[in-house]
């Protein structure tokens, strides 16, 4: 799936998803042409990160 759909499924902004990717919290997705393609594993991982953040876990701790 593309990042827009990933954003809708997780409730995270595109900017946040790219930030987490940059920080190494999620693996760099495969590309099809110029587009990043995400999987259900990425959805699950982002939802886990979102939950951890809501519990007060910092980005540094997640790394």
C-alpha atoms as a PDB file:
ATOM      1  CA  UNK A   1       0.000   0.000   0.000  1.00  0.00           C
ATOM      2  CA  UNK A   2       1.083   3.562  -0.521  1.00  0.00           C
ATOM      3  CA  UNK A   3       1.836   5.991   2.284  1.00  0.00           C
ATOM      4  CA  UNK A   4      -1.534   7.773   2.036  1.00  0.00           C
ATOM      5  CA  UNK A   5      -3.432   4.577   2.750  1.00  0.00           C
ATOM      6  CA  UNK A   6      -0.958   3.689   5.507  1.00  0.00           C
ATOM      7  CA  UNK A   7      -1.595   7.095   7.056  1.00  0.00           C
ATOM      8  CA  UNK A   8      -5.364   6.538   7.038  1.00  0.00           C
ATOM      9  CA  UNK A   9      -5.076   3.038   8.524  1.00  0.00           C
ATOM     10  CA  UNK A  10      -2.781   4.111  11.343  1.00  0.00           C
ATOM     11  CA  UNK A  11      -4.076   7.613  12.035  1.00  0.00           C
ATOM     12  CA  UNK A  12      -0.526   8.949  11.704  1.00  0.00           C
ATOM     13  CA  UNK A  13       0.438  11.749   9.355  1.00  0.00           C
ATOM     14  CA  UNK A  14       2.606  11.101   6.321  1.00  0.00           C
ATOM     15  CA  UNK A  15       5.221  13.357   7.911  1.00  0.00           C
ATOM     16  CA  UNK A  16       5.231  11.263  11.102  1.00  0.00           C
ATOM     17  CA  UNK A  17       5.555   8.009   9.176  1.00  0.00           C
ATOM     18  CA  UNK A  18       8.535   9.372   7.244  1.00  0.00           C
ATOM     19  CA  UNK A  19      10.067  10.637  10.507  1.00  0.00           C
ATOM     20  CA  UNK A  20       9.768   7.180  12.101  1.00  0.00           C
ATOM     21  CA  UNK A  21      11.316   5.664   8.996  1.00  0.00           C
ATOM     22  CA  UNK A  22      14.188   8.176   9.142  1.00  0.00           C
ATOM     23  CA  UNK A  23      14.791   7.333  12.821  1.00  0.00           C
ATOM     24  CA  UNK A  24      14.907   3.609  12.032  1.00  0.00           C
ATOM     25  CA  UNK A  25      11.737   2.707  13.928  1.00  0.00           C
ATOM     26  CA  UNK A  26      10.297   1.056  10.833  1.00  0.00           C
ATOM     27  CA  UNK A  27      12.296  -0.553   8.042  1.00  0.00           C
ATOM     28  CA  UNK A  28      12.696   1.299   4.764  1.00  0.00           C
ATOM     29  CA  UNK A  29       9.965  -0.071   2.506  1.00  0.00           C
ATOM     30  CA  UNK A  30      10.501  -1.434  -0.947  1.00  0.00           C
ATOM     31  CA  UNK A  31       9.947   0.941  -3.807  1.00  0.00           C
ATOM     32  CA  UNK A  32       7.906   0.475  -6.928  1.00  0.00           C
ATOM     33  CA  UNK A  33       9.156   3.178  -9.220  1.00  0.00           C
ATOM     34  CA  UNK A  34       9.319   6.311  -7.110  1.00  0.00           C
ATOM     35  CA  UNK A  35       6.701   5.136  -4.592  1.00  0.00           C
ATOM     36  CA  UNK A  36       7.301   3.466  -1.246  1.00  0.00           C
ATOM     37  CA  UNK A  37       5.147   0.381  -0.798  1.00  0.00           C
ATOM     38  CA  UNK A  38       4.170  -0.612   2.741  1.00  0.00           C
ATOM     39  CA  UNK A  39       2.773  -3.900   4.059  1.00  0.00           C
ATOM     40  CA  UNK A  40       0.474  -5.004   6.867  1.00  0.00           C
ATOM     41  CA  UNK A  41       3.588  -5.577   8.988  1.00  0.00           C
ATOM     42  CA  UNK A  42       4.318  -1.842   8.716  1.00  0.00           C
ATOM     43  CA  UNK A  43       0.741  -1.045   9.778  1.00  0.00           C
ATOM     44  CA  UNK A  44       1.082  -3.285  12.841  1.00  0.00           C
ATOM     45  CA  UNK A  45       4.468  -1.835  13.751  1.00  0.00           C
ATOM     46  CA  UNK A  46       3.250   1.756  13.438  1.00  0.00           C
ATOM     47  CA  UNK A  47       0.204   1.007  15.581  1.00  0.00           C
ATOM     48  CA  UNK A  48       2.514  -0.477  18.216  1.00  0.00           C
ATOM     49  CA  UNK A  49       4.719   2.634  18.111  1.00  0.00           C
ATOM     50  CA  UNK A  50       1.626   4.843  18.358  1.00  0.00           C
ATOM     51  CA  UNK A  51       0.445   2.915  21.420  1.00  0.00           C
ATOM     52  CA  UNK A  52       3.889   3.097  23.054  1.00  0.00           C
ATOM     53  CA  UNK A  53       4.022   6.851  22.441  1.00  0.00           C
ATOM     54  CA  UNK A  54       0.599   7.258  24.078  1.00  0.00           C
ATOM     55  CA  UNK A  55       2.004   5.485  27.144  1.00  0.00           C
ATOM     56  CA  UNK A  56       4.873   7.954  27.356  1.00  0.00           C
ATOM     57  CA  UNK A  57       7.658   5.975  25.690  1.00  0.00           C
ATOM     58  CA  UNK A  58      10.114   8.300  23.946  1.00  0.00           C
ATOM     59  CA  UNK A  59      11.504   7.977  20.432  1.00  0.00           C
ATOM     60  CA  UNK A  60      14.941   7.420  21.956  1.00  0.00           C
ATOM     61  CA  UNK A  61      13.623   4.507  24.012  1.00  0.00           C
ATOM     62  CA  UNK A  62      11.900   3.018  20.981  1.00  0.00           C
ATOM     63  CA  UNK A  63      15.129   3.131  18.990  1.00  0.00           C
END
